[in-house]
Amino acid sequence: MREKIIIGSRESALAVLQSEMVREYITEQHPGLSVEILTMKTTGDRILDRTLDKVGGKGLFVKELDLALLDGRSQLSVHSLKDMPMEVPKNLPLLAFSKREDPRDVLVLPEGVKELDPSKPIGCSSLRRTLQLKELYPDMEVKSIRGNLQTRLRKLDSGEYSALILAAAGLKRMGFTERICRCFTPDEMIPAAGQGILAVQGIEGEDYGFLEGYCDRDAWIAGSAERAFVRYLNGGCSSPVAAYAEVEEDHLFLRGLYYNESDGTWKKGSIRGNVSDAETLGEELAENLRSSCQNENEGES
């Protein structure tokens, strides 16, 4: 085992905090091991004037971190699982998922404000959220917003937006729980696949015995089912698919949202099954929703 481990991380305060959470686990289990964090700005962090679907999707947040693993500058990368591409290179495997933080999406209002201002847009950077927001707030304009968490909150508080839709997990990890005004249930707004879970990624051939015990069973099962659903539909940042799984002992309940890009129709659904069939259930729900949408469209034509 190495005497020194370097963790690659995006340079945002939230990303560094999440990497520090993994570092803390490693150093608690192995006090003699030196663990450092190497921060870097990814392409996705640099391009802030366009929505992710216009500039290449989730891969823009991992490319630089992948290169650091490949050239030996780091031995681990820590990501928000929801930002990970659905296809991961075999030589850069996902090693472990953290225990899941609150997976829900939430409404955040400007400081001191109690209700939505209909004259200003809701800030939202996700097509998945935008689609579901139109059901919840049909009369509100939705406008794209990019940047790290603090930047978005600053834009909100300066009066540019009536509200933001953000992930509860990031707000809670950063100590902004009091900014949450409303939590959307998974039935109201299905979260992004992997939302609230940290993914630890490594490189093939490295000894990762120091991570033993870190991976959370339920998060691994749920995340695997959710990612299988999205992967089956070839979904990512350019398509507003959504998936959220709940695990209770040996049973799994998976919700999903399928969006037909050709005509804009979409459908939500769910499936239950055994945790041993997590990925199969994700694929089955994806196929069910896609077929159902296509059948309905053919019936109307």
Protein backbone atom coordinates (compact mmCIF):
# COMPACT_ATOMS: atom_id res chain seq x y z
CA MET A 1 0.00 0.00 0.00
CA ARG A 2 1.21 3.51 -0.78
CA GLU A 3 2.30 5.86 2.01
CA LYS A 4 0.70 8.85 0.27
CA ILE A 5 -2.64 9.11 -1.53
CA ILE A 6 -3.64 12.09 -3.69
CA ILE A 7 -7.35 12.74 -4.29
CA GLY A 8 -8.31 14.64 -7.44
CA SER A 9 -11.16 17.12 -6.99
CA ARG A 10 -12.91 19.94 -8.80
CA GLU A 11 -11.91 23.20 -7.16
CA SER A 12 -15.35 24.38 -6.04
CA ALA A 13 -15.91 24.66 -2.28
CA LEU A 14 -18.53 21.89 -2.39
CA ALA A 15 -16.31 19.53 -4.40
CA VAL A 16 -13.38 20.09 -2.03
CA LEU A 17 -15.62 19.53 1.00
CA GLN A 18 -16.80 16.25 -0.50
CA SER A 19 -13.21 15.16 -1.15
CA GLU A 20 -12.35 16.08 2.43
CA MET A 21 -15.13 13.77 3.62
CA VAL A 22 -13.45 10.86 1.82
CA ARG A 23 -10.00 11.92 3.08
CA GLU A 24 -11.34 11.99 6.63
CA TYR A 25 -12.59 8.41 6.33
CA ILE A 26 -9.25 7.17 4.97
CA THR A 27 -7.13 8.91 7.62
CA GLU A 28 -9.39 7.71 10.42
CA GLN A 29 -9.02 4.11 9.24
CA HIS A 30 -5.30 4.47 8.41
CA PRO A 31 -3.72 7.19 10.62
CA GLY A 32 -0.27 6.61 9.14
CA LEU A 33 -1.41 7.28 5.58
CA SER A 34 -0.82 10.76 4.14
CA VAL A 35 -3.79 11.97 2.06
CA GLU A 36 -3.71 15.17 0.00
CA ILE A 37 -6.27 16.84 -2.27
CA LEU A 38 -5.32 18.07 -5.74
CA THR A 39 -7.83 20.60 -7.05
CA MET A 40 -8.39 21.55 -10.67
CA LYS A 41 -10.84 23.52 -12.78
CA THR A 42 -12.70 21.29 -15.23
CA THR A 43 -13.96 22.28 -18.67
CA GLY A 44 -17.50 22.25 -17.28
CA ASP A 45 -16.47 24.76 -14.62
CA ARG A 46 -14.98 27.10 -17.22
CA ILE A 47 -17.96 27.23 -19.60
CA LEU A 48 -20.70 29.07 -17.72
CA ASP A 49 -22.53 30.93 -20.49
CA ARG A 50 -24.31 27.91 -21.97
CA THR A 51 -26.39 25.04 -20.61
CA LEU A 52 -24.61 21.69 -20.29
CA ASP A 53 -26.56 20.05 -23.11
CA LYS A 54 -25.14 22.67 -25.49
CA VAL A 55 -21.49 22.11 -24.58
CA GLY A 56 -21.06 18.37 -24.16
CA GLY A 57 -22.83 17.15 -21.04
CA LYS A 58 -21.57 15.50 -17.88
CA GLY A 59 -18.20 14.40 -19.28
CA LEU A 60 -16.99 18.00 -19.08
CA PHE A 61 -16.80 17.70 -15.28
CA VAL A 62 -14.57 14.61 -15.21
CA LYS A 63 -12.15 14.88 -18.14
CA GLU A 64 -9.37 16.68 -16.26
CA LEU A 65 -9.80 14.43 -13.21
CA ASP A 66 -9.57 11.34 -15.43
CA LEU A 67 -6.32 12.65 -16.97
CA ALA A 68 -4.83 13.18 -13.49
CA LEU A 69 -5.56 9.52 -12.65
CA LEU A 70 -4.12 8.29 -15.93
CA ASP A 71 -0.85 10.23 -15.65
CA GLY A 72 -0.36 9.35 -11.97
CA ARG A 73 -0.88 12.80 -10.48
CA SER A 74 -3.72 11.35 -8.37
CA GLN A 75 -4.80 7.90 -7.19
CA LEU A 76 -8.47 8.72 -6.48
CA SER A 77 -11.13 11.09 -7.79
CA VAL A 78 -14.21 12.09 -5.82
CA HIS A 79 -17.31 13.07 -7.78
CA SER A 80 -20.96 13.77 -7.19
CA LEU A 81 -22.38 10.61 -8.75
CA LYS A 82 -25.05 12.64 -10.56
CA ASP A 83 -22.28 14.42 -12.50
CA MET A 84 -20.68 11.18 -13.70
CA PRO A 85 -21.13 10.05 -17.31
CA MET A 86 -23.13 6.82 -17.56
CA GLU A 87 -20.30 5.08 -19.39
CA VAL A 88 -17.12 4.83 -17.30
CA PRO A 89 -13.80 3.63 -18.81
CA LYS A 90 -12.89 0.11 -17.66
CA ASN A 91 -9.44 1.27 -16.59
CA LEU A 92 -10.98 3.99 -14.39
CA PRO A 93 -13.51 1.99 -12.33
CA LEU A 94 -15.97 3.30 -9.77
CA LEU A 95 -14.71 1.87 -6.48
CA ALA A 96 -17.28 2.92 -3.90
CA PHE A 97 -20.40 5.01 -3.26
CA SER A 98 -20.89 7.00 -0.07
CA LYS A 99 -23.92 6.79 2.18
CA ARG A 100 -26.58 8.89 0.48
CA GLU A 101 -27.33 12.43 1.65
CA ASP A 102 -30.87 13.84 1.16
CA PRO A 103 -31.53 13.11 -2.56
CA ARG A 104 -34.39 15.59 -3.04
CA ASP A 105 -34.54 18.76 -5.11
CA VAL A 106 -35.51 21.88 -3.18
CA LEU A 107 -36.82 25.41 -3.69
CA VAL A 108 -34.63 28.25 -2.42
CA LEU A 109 -35.99 31.80 -2.14
CA PRO A 110 -33.97 35.03 -1.76
CA GLU A 111 -32.97 35.81 1.81
CA GLY A 112 -35.89 37.31 3.74
CA VAL A 113 -38.45 36.43 1.03
CA LYS A 114 -41.43 34.21 1.86
CA GLU A 115 -43.05 33.56 -1.53
CA LEU A 116 -42.31 33.42 -5.24
CA ASP A 117 -42.23 36.66 -7.26
CA PRO A 118 -44.03 35.85 -10.54
CA SER A 119 -42.28 38.75 -12.33
CA LYS A 120 -38.89 37.04 -12.06
CA PRO A 121 -37.76 33.64 -13.39
CA ILE A 122 -36.91 30.53 -11.42
CA GLY A 123 -33.23 29.71 -11.85
CA CYS A 124 -32.60 26.15 -12.94
CA SER A 125 -29.64 24.58 -14.74
CA SER A 126 -31.20 21.20 -15.49
CA LEU A 127 -33.55 20.10 -18.27
CA ARG A 128 -34.80 17.36 -15.95
CA ARG A 129 -35.85 19.91 -13.34
CA THR A 130 -37.21 22.36 -15.91
CA LEU A 131 -39.53 19.73 -17.37
CA GLN A 132 -40.99 18.80 -13.97
CA LEU A 133 -41.15 22.43 -12.83
CA LYS A 134 -43.64 23.21 -15.59
CA GLU A 135 -46.11 20.91 -13.83
CA LEU A 136 -45.47 22.41 -10.40
CA TYR A 137 -45.32 26.08 -11.42
CA PRO A 138 -46.98 26.30 -14.87
CA ASP A 139 -47.15 30.12 -14.82
CA MET A 140 -43.50 30.72 -13.89
CA GLU A 141 -40.70 31.43 -16.34
CA VAL A 142 -37.67 29.17 -15.96
CA LYS A 143 -34.22 30.58 -16.81
CA SER A 144 -30.85 28.82 -16.93
CA ILE A 145 -28.31 29.55 -14.20
CA ARG A 146 -24.73 28.20 -14.01
CA GLY A 147 -21.88 28.53 -11.54
CA ASN A 148 -21.01 27.07 -8.17
CA LEU A 149 -23.43 27.04 -5.25
CA GLN A 150 -22.27 30.34 -3.75
CA THR A 151 -22.41 32.08 -7.15
CA ARG A 152 -25.99 30.93 -7.71
CA LEU A 153 -27.11 32.01 -4.24
CA ARG A 154 -25.47 35.40 -4.79
CA LYS A 155 -27.36 35.87 -8.08
CA LEU A 156 -30.58 34.87 -6.33
CA ASP A 157 -30.10 37.27 -3.41
CA SER A 158 -29.16 40.15 -5.75
CA GLY A 159 -32.64 40.00 -7.30
CA GLU A 160 -32.01 38.26 -10.63
CA TYR A 161 -34.29 35.32 -9.85
CA SER A 162 -37.45 34.68 -7.87
CA ALA A 163 -36.08 31.32 -6.68
CA LEU A 164 -33.59 28.55 -7.43
CA ILE A 165 -34.05 24.80 -7.70
CA LEU A 166 -31.06 23.07 -6.12
CA ALA A 167 -30.07 19.70 -4.69
CA ALA A 168 -30.69 19.39 -0.96
CA ALA A 169 -27.48 17.37 -0.60
CA GLY A 170 -25.15 20.19 -1.64
CA LEU A 171 -26.94 22.77 0.51
CA LYS A 172 -26.82 20.53 3.56
CA ARG A 173 -23.16 19.58 3.11
CA MET A 174 -22.23 23.27 2.77
CA GLY A 175 -24.20 24.30 5.86
CA PHE A 176 -27.00 26.11 4.00
CA THR A 177 -29.88 23.95 5.26
CA GLU A 178 -31.72 27.04 6.49
CA ARG A 179 -31.99 28.32 2.90
CA ILE A 180 -34.32 25.45 1.95
CA CYS A 181 -37.91 26.73 1.64
CA ARG A 182 -39.60 23.66 0.17
CA CYS A 183 -38.50 20.07 -0.42
CA PHE A 184 -40.03 18.38 -3.45
CA THR A 185 -41.03 14.78 -2.89
CA PRO A 186 -39.66 12.23 -5.39
CA ASP A 187 -43.19 11.97 -6.77
CA GLU A 188 -43.29 15.73 -7.44
CA MET A 189 -39.78 15.90 -8.89
CA ILE A 190 -37.81 12.73 -9.54
CA PRO A 191 -34.15 13.44 -8.66
CA ALA A 192 -31.19 12.97 -10.99
CA ALA A 193 -29.67 9.50 -11.03
CA GLY A 194 -27.13 9.34 -8.23
CA GLN A 195 -28.16 12.60 -6.57
CA GLY A 196 -26.86 12.80 -2.98
CA ILE A 197 -24.24 10.05 -3.49
CA LEU A 198 -20.46 10.57 -3.69
CA ALA A 199 -18.61 8.35 -6.14
CA VAL A 200 -14.98 7.36 -5.54
CA GLN A 201 -13.15 6.52 -8.77
CA GLY A 202 -9.72 4.94 -9.17
CA ILE A 203 -7.39 3.43 -11.73
CA GLU A 204 -7.04 -0.22 -12.67
CA GLY A 205 -4.24 -2.10 -10.94
CA GLU A 206 -3.94 0.17 -7.88
CA ASP A 207 -4.33 -1.27 -4.36
CA TYR A 208 -7.41 0.28 -2.73
CA GLY A 209 -7.47 -1.73 0.49
CA PHE A 210 -7.56 1.56 2.43
CA LEU A 211 -11.13 2.11 1.19
CA GLU A 212 -12.44 -1.09 2.75
CA GLY A 213 -15.73 -0.43 4.57
CA TYR A 214 -16.38 2.94 2.90
CA CYS A 215 -18.89 1.78 0.28
CA ASP A 216 -22.53 1.97 1.41
CA ARG A 217 -24.53 -1.08 0.32
CA ASP A 218 -27.87 0.69 -0.20
CA ALA A 219 -26.31 3.58 -2.11
CA TRP A 220 -24.43 1.17 -4.39
CA ILE A 221 -27.60 -0.78 -5.17
CA ALA A 222 -29.75 2.34 -5.68
CA GLY A 223 -27.11 4.14 -7.72
CA SER A 224 -26.57 1.10 -9.93
CA ALA A 225 -30.30 0.79 -10.66
CA GLU A 226 -30.64 4.50 -11.42
CA ARG A 227 -27.62 4.58 -13.70
CA ALA A 228 -28.80 1.45 -15.55
CA PHE A 229 -32.12 3.20 -16.24
CA VAL A 230 -30.43 6.30 -17.67
CA ARG A 231 -27.77 4.33 -19.56
CA TYR A 232 -30.42 2.17 -21.26
CA LEU A 233 -32.05 5.34 -22.60
CA ASN A 234 -28.70 6.85 -23.60
CA GLY A 235 -29.60 9.75 -21.34
CA GLY A 236 -27.38 12.41 -19.84
CA CYS A 237 -27.29 16.17 -19.68
CA SER A 238 -28.87 16.48 -23.13
CA SER A 239 -31.96 14.48 -22.18
CA PRO A 240 -34.07 15.17 -19.08
CA VAL A 241 -34.39 11.58 -17.89
CA ALA A 242 -34.55 11.01 -14.13
CA ALA A 243 -34.28 8.00 -11.82
CA TYR A 244 -34.51 7.49 -8.09
CA ALA A 245 -34.35 4.17 -6.22
CA GLU A 246 -35.20 3.39 -2.61
CA VAL A 247 -33.77 0.28 -0.94
CA GLU A 248 -35.36 -1.46 2.01
CA GLU A 249 -33.51 -4.63 3.01
CA ASP A 250 -33.79 -6.91 -0.05
CA HIS A 251 -36.43 -4.86 -1.89
CA LEU A 252 -35.94 -2.02 -4.37
CA PHE A 253 -38.47 0.59 -5.53
CA LEU A 254 -37.38 2.58 -8.59
CA ARG A 255 -39.04 5.66 -10.07
CA GLY A 256 -38.11 6.88 -13.53
CA LEU A 257 -38.90 9.60 -16.05
CA TYR A 258 -38.56 9.04 -19.79
CA TYR A 259 -38.52 11.90 -22.29
CA ASN A 260 -39.07 11.46 -26.03
CA GLU A 261 -36.83 14.03 -27.73
CA SER A 262 -38.55 13.63 -31.09
CA ASP A 263 -41.90 15.01 -29.94
CA GLY A 264 -41.41 16.30 -26.38
CA THR A 265 -43.74 13.77 -24.74
CA TRP A 266 -42.67 12.27 -21.43
CA LYS A 267 -43.83 9.74 -18.90
CA LYS A 268 -43.15 8.77 -15.29
CA GLY A 269 -43.39 5.27 -13.88
CA SER A 270 -42.05 2.89 -11.27
CA ILE A 271 -41.05 -0.71 -10.70
CA ARG A 272 -40.43 -2.97 -7.70
CA GLY A 273 -38.18 -5.95 -7.34
CA ASN A 274 -35.29 -7.63 -5.58
CA VAL A 275 -32.05 -5.74 -4.94
CA SER A 276 -30.12 -8.54 -6.67
CA ASP A 277 -31.82 -7.46 -9.91
CA ALA A 278 -31.05 -3.73 -9.49
CA GLU A 279 -29.57 -3.05 -12.93
CA THR A 280 -32.06 -5.32 -14.71
CA LEU A 281 -34.94 -3.46 -13.02
CA GLY A 282 -33.49 -0.15 -14.21
CA GLU A 283 -33.36 -1.40 -17.78
CA GLU A 284 -36.83 -2.95 -17.56
CA LEU A 285 -38.42 0.28 -16.31
CA ALA A 286 -36.65 2.24 -19.03
CA GLU A 287 -37.97 -0.07 -21.74
CA ASN A 288 -41.49 -0.06 -20.24
CA LEU A 289 -41.69 3.73 -20.23
CA ARG A 290 -40.23 4.11 -23.69
CA SER A 291 -42.59 1.51 -25.17
CA SER A 292 -45.58 3.03 -23.37
CA CYS A 293 -44.76 6.50 -24.73
CA GLN A 294 -44.32 5.17 -28.27
CA ASN A 295 -47.55 3.15 -28.13
CA GLU A 296 -49.52 6.18 -26.93
CA ASN A 297 -48.10 8.30 -29.74
CA GLU A 298 -48.95 5.67 -32.35
CA GLY A 299 -52.48 5.44 -30.99
CA GLU A 300 -52.95 9.19 -31.38
CA SER A 301 -51.60 9.31 -34.94
